[in-house]
Amino acid sequence: MDLHDAVTLSLLACGDPRRMLALRRDLAARSGTRTLPATELLQAPAVAGGLAEARRRADTALARARRARLTVMALGDGCYPPLLAAIPDPPFALWIRGAVSALAGPAVAVVGARSASPYALEVAARLGSDLAARGVIVVSGLARGVYGAAHHGALDGCGRTVAVLGSGVDVVYPYEHAALGEAIVAAGALVSELPPGAPPRRFHFPWRNRIISGLARATVVVEASLKSGSLITARCGLDQGREVMAVPGNVMSDRNRGAHALIKDGAKVVEDVDDILEELMPPFRAAARPADVGNLDDPLLEHMCRGEAYDLDALITLTGSDGTSLIPRLLQLELRGLVRRSGGRFVRSSGRW
């Protein structure tokens, strides 16, 4: 597919993606082929009204990409991610900031709640780190909560991670993740079907979720309510014929009812990285388990389960120590990255996130 045509089609699709998807499926059904040449799509009456403007915008977007040293792939290019090309509605054009090679290896998507519990943040970071240490690319959405924790975990595991954005790849959102975005560019890639400069819009995010699942062999949901956006990603994965897995949580809370519903429907339960890899990627499962950065050289850690938040009174009760001696020890462990604070409580950590 010609690059300019692909970008033009992408701009038309992003303007009204459902109409464009319906158009593509209708034309493909009439022609008897799954993929139509861009020229046929661009000649369809449904896109004629906005075609001239879309071509002008494509010129602008490609020029901006050249100035910013971004990469853009057209559907059908030899380097276009094959797993993504195989979904029912792949992006016509894919904009990339960072290493194109980060889209070439085996990948697992890790998604979940934005307003996540300390437990979910810890699990997401640990899965991200362990997947990265096994050579698996971690795909997520750069959002708050589980998404950011998964990216941080992958970076801490000295691996590669890919963030799929609901904006242009030169517009990092949320804005407090600007530093994280730069770290991902250095060790992986930011990806979007939206052109450079595109701002984050509410309707962009559900549509971009199909790309998160489409790049990955499996999607792992870490904590999700019944109305969680991460369930959209899980549904996309199921529609794409990919594995969907879920991390169980507290049955006394509504926080994870969405993930529990997935498990009831047959999603595999994930407790550690081997649960993910044993069915998808046996060679990676055989690799050595990453070393636990949270070693037990301080007895205080023996009393703290990962992901659980403890206030000072609880730690005093568990350890039999007094607050005067505990506070300096907690500070030392926090400085070493083995303990972090969460809303005035302390959580044993597997790494930075």
Foldseek 3Di string as FASTA:
>chain_A
DDPLLLQLLLVLCVVPVVVLLVLLVVVCVVVVHLDDDSVVSLPDPVCVVCRVVSSVVSVVLVVVCVVVVKDKDAQVDPLPQPLQSLFSRHRRMKIKQADSCLLHDAEEEEDEDQPDALLLLQQLLQQLLQCFLLVHEYEYALGHDSRLSSLNSNVVNVGAYEHEYLFALVEDPPPVCPVSSVSNRHHYIYMYSYGPPGDHDPVSVLVSLLVRLSSHQEYEYRWYALPGSVVSSVVSNVSSVHAYAYEDDDPVDRRRVNRVVVVVVPHHYDDHNLSVCVPPPVVSSPDDGDDQPLDPPDVLVVQADASDWAALVRSCVSPVDDSVVVVVVQVVCVVSQQWDDDPRTIGGHSGDD
